[in-house]
Amino acid sequence: MLEKLYELKQRYLEVQGLLSDPAMYAAENRERQKALGKEAKHLEPIAAVHDRLADTLGNIETAKELIELTEGAERDAAQAELLHFEAEVAQLEEQAKILLMPRDPRDDKAVVLEVRAGTGGEEAALFAAELFDMYRRYAESQNWVFSVVDYSEADQGGIKEAVAEIEGDGAFSRLRWESGTHRVQRVPVTESQGRIHTSAATVAVLSLPDPEEVSIDAKDLEIDYYRSSGAGGQHVNKTSSAVRITHVPSGIIVASQDQRSQHQNRDKCMQVLMAKLVEAEESKRTTGLAADRKLQVGSGDRSEKIRTYNFPQNRVTDHRINKSIHDIPGIMAGNLGELITELMVAAEAESMANVGES
């Protein structure tokens, strides 16, 4: 692994050298400069992990030498350092595994995030709103841009559904693992006898395609304009700026009401529609649209779940990797990094195992 990291670090240094040449910023080199800049951004964390791993492996060798040459308290201190450095190496190797994963062309694409209330009535709507806020906070922690596209409030609070567009480096590569049914177990505020209720919400994550990837015939679209409502901004209920687009051949319906103008809402609708059409085409090439959609978001029933949020036990469990974290407040505050990283590592391990079997 260190050898592979070293090779990529050398490439990073080479790219940095090319980018330092003023001629690279001439008009005729603009496309190449842009491509090199993107490559440098991808290689930078790999070079950093290489340096940290090389240093830590050197520290391990030094600690082992001290253990051989010393006694007493000094030897105990060297043994403690050895354990610390070995744990650090294990952590760095996990980071390296993720960084060395084959890159999906969609990894850095913008994301369409959909959160919908499932089974559980009012409590499901409240939980769906909390999930939506959780992803907003996670996006902020990653310095991504989180833009609300549509937000449909439930009658008793919470949301029926909400849609957001998220832009930033690695957005799809990390958020793709959130697709599925999320289950919550807790005592609702309205529960007078203290009984724990189980509710659910569904999450779908779609990559946002480039416009040239999708061809949409205007004749296939039905466009409706209406007044915004719910959690929108200053234009709520003042103008008919909200937009709903129906793609007649597929039956897909998308809406946007959170932008400032009718034109902006229409643009957002078209982006979400393109993402859904690409997903539909991808599904047809695999196991069929209905089956693929069920695998991604399920039906919203309590029995189907990828993750459970157990509030009384302060525990979040991801059932795909059998991983539990006892920190509900932290998770709901958007601290999803640990879970998502482990999901990425598990997916890579499964991918490598499948290759080995084929």
Protein backbone atom coordinates (compact mmCIF):
# COMPACT_ATOMS: atom_id res chain seq x y z
CA MET A 1 0.00 0.00 0.00
CA LEU A 2 2.79 2.42 0.86
CA GLU A 3 4.36 1.83 -2.54
CA LYS A 4 1.09 2.64 -4.32
CA LEU A 5 0.66 5.77 -2.20
CA TYR A 6 4.23 6.79 -3.04
CA GLU A 7 3.57 6.49 -6.78
CA LEU A 8 0.50 8.69 -6.48
CA LYS A 9 2.37 11.21 -4.36
CA GLN A 10 5.02 11.48 -7.07
CA ARG A 11 2.28 12.13 -9.60
CA TYR A 12 0.85 14.79 -7.26
CA LEU A 13 4.24 16.54 -7.15
CA GLU A 14 4.45 16.32 -10.95
CA VAL A 15 1.00 17.87 -11.36
CA GLN A 16 1.89 20.61 -8.87
CA GLY A 17 4.95 21.39 -10.94
CA LEU A 18 2.89 21.64 -14.12
CA LEU A 19 0.39 23.94 -12.44
CA SER A 20 3.16 26.23 -11.23
CA ASP A 21 4.11 27.02 -14.85
CA PRO A 22 2.58 30.41 -15.79
CA ALA A 23 2.13 29.19 -19.38
CA MET A 24 -0.46 26.70 -18.09
CA TYR A 25 -2.83 29.62 -17.43
CA ALA A 26 -2.83 30.87 -21.01
CA ALA A 27 -6.21 30.78 -22.77
CA GLU A 28 -5.23 27.86 -25.01
CA ASN A 29 -4.32 25.73 -21.96
CA ARG A 30 -7.41 26.49 -19.93
CA GLU A 31 -9.01 23.05 -20.32
CA ARG A 32 -5.79 21.22 -19.43
CA GLN A 33 -5.21 23.52 -16.46
CA LYS A 34 -8.73 22.76 -15.24
CA ALA A 35 -8.18 18.99 -15.60
CA LEU A 36 -4.83 19.16 -13.79
CA GLY A 37 -6.36 21.22 -11.00
CA LYS A 38 -9.04 18.59 -10.51
CA GLU A 39 -6.41 15.82 -10.51
CA ALA A 40 -4.33 17.71 -7.94
CA LYS A 41 -7.36 18.09 -5.67
CA HIS A 42 -7.94 14.33 -5.87
CA LEU A 43 -4.28 13.45 -5.22
CA GLU A 44 -3.65 15.92 -2.40
CA PRO A 45 -5.23 13.85 0.43
CA ILE A 46 -3.48 10.72 -0.93
CA ALA A 47 -0.09 12.48 -0.72
CA ALA A 48 -0.91 13.63 2.82
CA VAL A 49 -1.82 10.10 3.95
CA HIS A 50 1.38 8.78 2.37
CA ASP A 51 3.50 11.22 4.37
CA ARG A 52 1.69 10.50 7.64
CA LEU A 53 1.87 6.74 7.09
CA ALA A 54 5.58 6.84 6.22
CA ASP A 55 6.33 8.94 9.31
CA THR A 56 4.29 6.68 11.58
CA LEU A 57 5.94 3.51 10.26
CA GLY A 58 9.29 5.16 10.98
CA ASN A 59 8.12 5.94 14.51
CA ILE A 60 7.18 2.28 14.98
CA GLU A 61 10.69 1.17 14.06
CA THR A 62 12.17 3.71 16.48
CA ALA A 63 9.87 2.53 19.29
CA LYS A 64 10.84 -1.11 18.67
CA GLU A 65 14.52 -0.21 18.88
CA LEU A 66 13.95 1.61 22.17
CA ILE A 67 12.13 -1.41 23.59
CA GLU A 68 15.16 -3.56 22.76
CA LEU A 69 17.68 -1.10 24.23
CA THR A 70 15.93 0.20 27.37
CA GLU A 71 14.47 -1.06 30.62
CA GLY A 72 12.03 -0.02 33.30
CA ALA A 73 9.93 3.13 32.88
CA GLU A 74 11.67 4.11 29.66
CA ARG A 75 10.88 0.74 28.11
CA ASP A 76 7.24 0.96 29.29
CA ALA A 77 6.93 4.39 27.66
CA ALA A 78 8.34 3.01 24.40
CA GLN A 79 5.82 0.13 24.48
CA ALA A 80 2.96 2.58 25.02
CA GLU A 81 4.20 4.64 22.08
CA LEU A 82 4.40 1.51 19.93
CA LEU A 83 0.74 0.69 20.64
CA HIS A 84 -0.25 4.26 19.83
CA PHE A 85 1.64 4.27 16.52
CA GLU A 86 0.26 0.86 15.53
CA ALA A 87 -3.29 2.08 16.11
CA GLU A 88 -2.51 5.17 14.03
CA VAL A 89 -1.20 3.00 11.18
CA ALA A 90 -4.42 0.97 11.20
CA GLN A 91 -6.45 4.18 10.99
CA LEU A 92 -4.32 5.58 8.17
CA GLU A 93 -4.57 2.34 6.23
CA GLU A 94 -8.38 2.52 6.42
CA GLN A 95 -8.24 6.07 5.09
CA ALA A 96 -5.90 4.94 2.32
CA LYS A 97 -8.27 2.13 1.30
CA ILE A 98 -11.01 4.68 0.71
CA LEU A 99 -8.72 7.07 -1.15
CA LEU A 100 -7.46 4.27 -3.39
CA MET A 101 -10.93 3.05 -4.32
CA PRO A 102 -11.64 3.14 -8.06
CA ARG A 103 -13.41 6.42 -8.70
CA ASP A 104 -16.98 6.33 -9.93
CA PRO A 105 -17.54 9.00 -12.62
CA ARG A 106 -20.46 10.20 -10.48
CA ASP A 107 -18.43 10.64 -7.28
CA ASP A 108 -18.12 14.42 -7.48
CA LYS A 109 -21.44 15.08 -9.14
CA ALA A 110 -24.09 17.12 -7.38
CA VAL A 111 -26.72 15.14 -5.53
CA VAL A 112 -30.50 15.18 -5.41
CA LEU A 113 -31.59 14.19 -1.90
CA GLU A 114 -35.19 13.15 -1.23
CA VAL A 115 -36.54 12.51 2.26
CA ARG A 116 -40.11 11.26 2.72
CA ALA A 117 -42.17 10.35 5.76
CA GLY A 118 -43.03 6.65 5.84
CA THR A 119 -45.09 4.57 8.26
CA GLY A 120 -45.89 6.22 11.56
CA GLY A 121 -48.10 9.22 10.93
CA GLU A 122 -47.14 12.41 12.77
CA GLU A 123 -44.05 10.88 14.33
CA ALA A 124 -42.77 9.74 10.90
CA ALA A 125 -43.22 13.28 9.57
CA LEU A 126 -41.29 14.75 12.49
CA PHE A 127 -38.50 12.20 12.05
CA ALA A 128 -38.31 12.90 8.31
CA ALA A 129 -37.80 16.60 9.06
CA GLU A 130 -35.04 15.73 11.54
CA LEU A 131 -33.30 13.55 8.94
CA PHE A 132 -33.49 16.35 6.41
CA ASP A 133 -31.86 18.72 8.93
CA MET A 134 -29.26 16.06 9.74
CA TYR A 135 -28.15 15.95 6.10
CA ARG A 136 -28.14 19.74 5.94
CA ARG A 137 -25.75 19.84 8.89
CA TYR A 138 -23.57 17.09 7.44
CA ALA A 139 -23.36 18.99 4.15
CA GLU A 140 -22.32 22.12 6.05
CA SER A 141 -19.58 20.17 7.85
CA GLN A 142 -18.24 19.07 4.45
CA ASN A 143 -18.39 22.62 3.04
CA TRP A 144 -20.97 21.52 0.48
CA VAL A 145 -23.74 23.74 -0.84
CA PHE A 146 -27.18 22.58 0.36
CA SER A 147 -30.09 24.08 -1.61
CA VAL A 148 -33.70 23.25 -0.74
CA VAL A 149 -35.70 22.49 -3.88
CA ASP A 150 -39.06 21.48 -2.42
CA TYR A 151 -40.39 21.26 1.13
CA SER A 152 -43.87 19.90 1.83
CA GLU A 153 -44.92 20.30 5.46
CA ALA A 154 -47.21 17.83 7.19
CA ASP A 155 -50.40 19.07 8.83
CA GLN A 156 -49.27 18.33 12.39
CA GLY A 157 -45.62 19.32 11.96
CA GLY A 158 -42.63 17.76 10.28
CA ILE A 159 -42.62 17.05 6.56
CA LYS A 160 -44.41 14.85 4.07
CA GLU A 161 -41.38 15.10 1.82
CA ALA A 162 -38.44 17.40 1.12
CA VAL A 163 -35.98 17.61 -1.75
CA ALA A 164 -32.57 19.26 -1.77
CA GLU A 165 -29.70 19.65 -4.20
CA ILE A 166 -26.23 19.21 -2.71
CA GLU A 167 -23.06 20.31 -4.48
CA GLY A 168 -19.48 19.65 -3.38
CA ASP A 169 -16.42 17.46 -3.77
CA GLY A 170 -17.29 13.82 -3.16
CA ALA A 171 -20.95 14.53 -2.43
CA PHE A 172 -22.35 11.52 -4.29
CA SER A 173 -19.51 9.18 -3.27
CA ARG A 174 -20.40 9.70 0.41
CA LEU A 175 -24.14 10.32 0.40
CA ARG A 176 -25.02 7.42 -1.89
CA TRP A 177 -24.90 5.08 1.14
CA GLU A 178 -27.80 6.93 2.79
CA SER A 179 -30.42 5.62 0.36
CA GLY A 180 -32.94 3.37 2.05
CA THR A 181 -35.44 3.19 4.90
CA HIS A 182 -34.45 4.79 8.20
CA ARG A 183 -36.33 3.60 11.29
CA VAL A 184 -36.77 5.53 14.54
CA GLN A 185 -37.72 4.12 17.95
CA ARG A 186 -38.67 6.62 20.65
CA VAL A 187 -41.43 7.95 22.87
CA PRO A 188 -43.38 10.61 20.94
CA VAL A 189 -44.11 13.93 22.62
CA THR A 190 -47.81 13.16 22.32
CA GLU A 191 -47.46 9.74 24.04
CA SER A 192 -48.91 10.15 27.55
CA GLN A 193 -48.10 6.61 28.78
CA GLY A 194 -44.41 6.61 27.85
CA ARG A 195 -44.66 3.86 25.24
CA ILE A 196 -41.98 3.58 22.59
CA HIS A 197 -43.27 3.95 19.03
CA THR A 198 -41.57 2.80 15.82
CA SER A 199 -41.78 4.98 12.71
CA ALA A 200 -39.91 5.25 9.43
CA ALA A 201 -38.76 7.65 6.74
CA THR A 202 -37.21 6.93 3.35
CA VAL A 203 -34.16 8.55 1.80
CA ALA A 204 -33.19 8.51 -1.88
CA VAL A 205 -29.91 9.88 -3.22
CA LEU A 206 -29.54 10.45 -6.97
CA SER A 207 -26.56 11.85 -8.86
CA LEU A 208 -27.30 14.96 -10.89
CA PRO A 209 -26.38 14.32 -14.54
CA ASP A 210 -24.85 16.79 -16.96
CA PRO A 211 -27.46 18.32 -19.29
CA GLU A 212 -25.95 16.62 -22.34
CA GLU A 213 -26.53 13.20 -20.75
CA VAL A 214 -30.32 13.49 -20.98
CA SER A 215 -32.58 14.39 -23.85
CA ILE A 216 -36.06 15.57 -22.87
CA ASP A 217 -38.73 16.40 -25.45
CA ALA A 218 -40.68 19.49 -24.41
CA LYS A 219 -43.84 17.84 -25.79
CA ASP A 220 -43.55 15.19 -23.07
CA LEU A 221 -43.83 17.73 -20.26
CA GLU A 222 -46.84 19.10 -18.41
CA ILE A 223 -45.90 22.23 -16.45
CA ASP A 224 -48.05 23.72 -13.69
CA TYR A 225 -47.45 26.94 -11.76
CA TYR A 226 -48.81 27.56 -8.27
CA ARG A 227 -48.21 29.59 -5.13
CA SER A 228 -45.47 28.48 -2.80
CA SER A 229 -46.33 27.22 0.67
CA GLY A 230 -44.62 25.80 3.73
CA ALA A 231 -41.04 26.54 4.65
CA GLY A 232 -40.19 28.79 1.70
CA GLY A 233 -38.78 32.27 1.76
CA GLN A 234 -40.24 35.74 1.37
CA HIS A 235 -42.17 34.88 -1.79
CA VAL A 236 -44.32 32.24 -0.08
CA ASN A 237 -48.02 32.72 -0.90
CA LYS A 238 -47.34 35.98 -2.78
CA THR A 239 -46.70 34.90 -6.38
CA SER A 240 -47.29 31.77 -8.45
CA SER A 241 -43.57 31.04 -8.54
CA ALA A 242 -43.70 27.36 -7.58
CA VAL A 243 -43.40 24.88 -10.45
CA ARG A 244 -44.55 21.30 -10.89
CA ILE A 245 -43.43 19.31 -13.93
CA THR A 246 -44.89 15.96 -15.00
CA HIS A 247 -42.94 13.83 -17.45
CA VAL A 248 -45.86 12.14 -19.14
CA PRO A 249 -44.14 9.05 -20.66
CA SER A 250 -42.61 7.98 -17.33
CA GLY A 251 -45.19 9.45 -14.95
CA ILE A 252 -42.41 11.11 -12.93
CA ILE A 253 -43.53 14.28 -11.11
CA VAL A 254 -41.12 16.84 -9.68
CA ALA A 255 -41.74 20.15 -7.96
CA SER A 256 -39.77 23.16 -6.78
CA GLN A 257 -41.02 26.05 -4.67
CA ASP A 258 -38.03 27.25 -2.68
CA GLN A 259 -36.28 29.41 -5.28
CA ARG A 260 -36.91 33.13 -5.65
CA SER A 261 -38.45 33.07 -9.12
CA GLN A 262 -40.57 30.92 -11.37
CA HIS A 263 -37.64 30.61 -13.78
CA GLN A 264 -35.29 29.35 -11.04
CA ASN A 265 -37.86 26.86 -9.78
CA ARG A 266 -38.36 25.56 -13.31
CA ASP A 267 -34.59 25.07 -13.71
CA LYS A 268 -34.44 23.12 -10.43
CA CYS A 269 -37.36 20.96 -11.52
CA MET A 270 -35.61 20.11 -14.76
CA GLN A 271 -32.41 19.15 -12.92
CA VAL A 272 -34.28 16.82 -10.56
CA LEU A 273 -36.25 15.37 -13.46
CA MET A 274 -33.04 14.62 -15.37
CA ALA A 275 -31.64 12.82 -12.31
CA LYS A 276 -34.75 10.68 -12.02
CA LEU A 277 -34.81 9.85 -15.71
CA VAL A 278 -31.16 8.76 -15.60
CA GLU A 279 -31.92 6.60 -12.58
CA ALA A 280 -34.86 5.05 -14.41
CA GLU A 281 -32.71 4.21 -17.45
CA GLU A 282 -30.02 2.73 -15.22
CA SER A 283 -32.63 0.61 -13.50
CA LYS A 284 -33.95 -0.75 -16.78
CA ARG A 285 -30.43 -1.86 -17.69
CA THR A 286 -30.15 -3.85 -14.47
CA THR A 287 -33.05 -5.64 -12.78
CA GLY A 288 -35.96 -3.42 -13.78
CA LEU A 289 -37.23 -0.09 -12.54
CA ALA A 290 -39.61 -1.27 -9.84
CA ALA A 291 -37.18 -3.72 -8.24
CA ASP A 292 -34.29 -1.27 -8.28
CA ARG A 293 -36.35 1.51 -6.74
CA LYS A 294 -37.51 -0.85 -4.00
CA LEU A 295 -33.91 -1.74 -3.20
CA GLN A 296 -33.05 1.91 -2.88
CA VAL A 297 -35.88 3.42 -0.88
CA GLY A 298 -38.09 0.50 0.08
CA SER A 299 -41.76 1.04 0.77
CA GLY A 300 -41.33 3.10 3.91
CA ASP A 301 -42.66 0.26 6.05
CA ARG A 302 -41.23 -0.28 9.54
CA SER A 303 -39.94 -3.77 8.66
CA GLU A 304 -37.62 -2.55 5.89
CA LYS A 305 -34.61 -0.70 7.20
CA ILE A 306 -30.97 0.11 6.60
CA ARG A 307 -30.55 2.00 9.86
CA THR A 308 -32.31 2.28 13.23
CA TYR A 309 -32.22 5.34 15.48
CA ASN A 310 -33.05 4.12 19.00
CA PHE A 311 -33.48 7.21 21.16
CA PRO A 312 -34.10 5.49 24.56
CA GLN A 313 -30.81 3.58 24.17
CA ASN A 314 -28.96 6.54 22.59
CA ARG A 315 -27.97 4.18 19.78
CA VAL A 316 -27.79 4.35 16.00
CA THR A 317 -27.33 0.98 14.25
CA ASP A 318 -26.53 0.53 10.57
CA HIS A 319 -27.80 -2.95 9.77
CA ARG A 320 -25.76 -3.36 6.58
CA ILE A 321 -22.48 -3.43 8.48
CA ASN A 322 -23.86 -4.26 11.96
CA LYS A 323 -22.31 -1.07 13.31
CA SER A 324 -23.71 0.76 16.35
CA ILE A 325 -22.79 4.21 17.62
CA HIS A 326 -24.05 5.40 20.99
CA ASP A 327 -24.43 9.08 20.19
CA ILE A 328 -27.89 10.03 18.95
CA PRO A 329 -27.34 13.79 19.52
CA GLY A 330 -24.08 13.71 17.56
CA ILE A 331 -25.55 11.76 14.64
CA MET A 332 -28.61 14.00 14.40
CA ALA A 333 -26.24 16.99 14.49
CA GLY A 334 -24.74 15.70 11.24
CA ASN A 335 -21.75 13.75 12.54
CA LEU A 336 -22.11 10.98 9.96
CA GLY A 337 -18.47 10.71 8.95
CA GLU A 338 -17.64 7.56 10.92
CA LEU A 339 -20.66 5.61 9.68
CA ILE A 340 -20.25 6.66 6.08
CA THR A 341 -16.53 5.88 6.08
CA GLU A 342 -17.16 2.37 7.40
CA LEU A 343 -19.85 1.82 4.77
CA MET A 344 -17.40 2.88 2.04
CA VAL A 345 -14.73 0.53 3.36
CA ALA A 346 -17.21 -2.35 3.61
CA ALA A 347 -18.42 -1.72 0.05
CA GLU A 348 -14.85 -1.76 -1.24
CA ALA A 349 -14.10 -5.01 0.63
CA GLU A 350 -17.22 -6.60 -0.84
CA SER A 351 -16.29 -5.38 -4.31
CA MET A 352 -12.79 -6.85 -4.00
CA ALA A 353 -14.21 -10.16 -2.74
CA ASN A 354 -16.57 -10.35 -5.71
CA VAL A 355 -13.67 -9.73 -8.08
CA GLY A 356 -11.71 -12.49 -6.38
CA GLU A 357 -14.58 -14.94 -6.81
CA SER A 358 -15.12 -14.15 -10.50
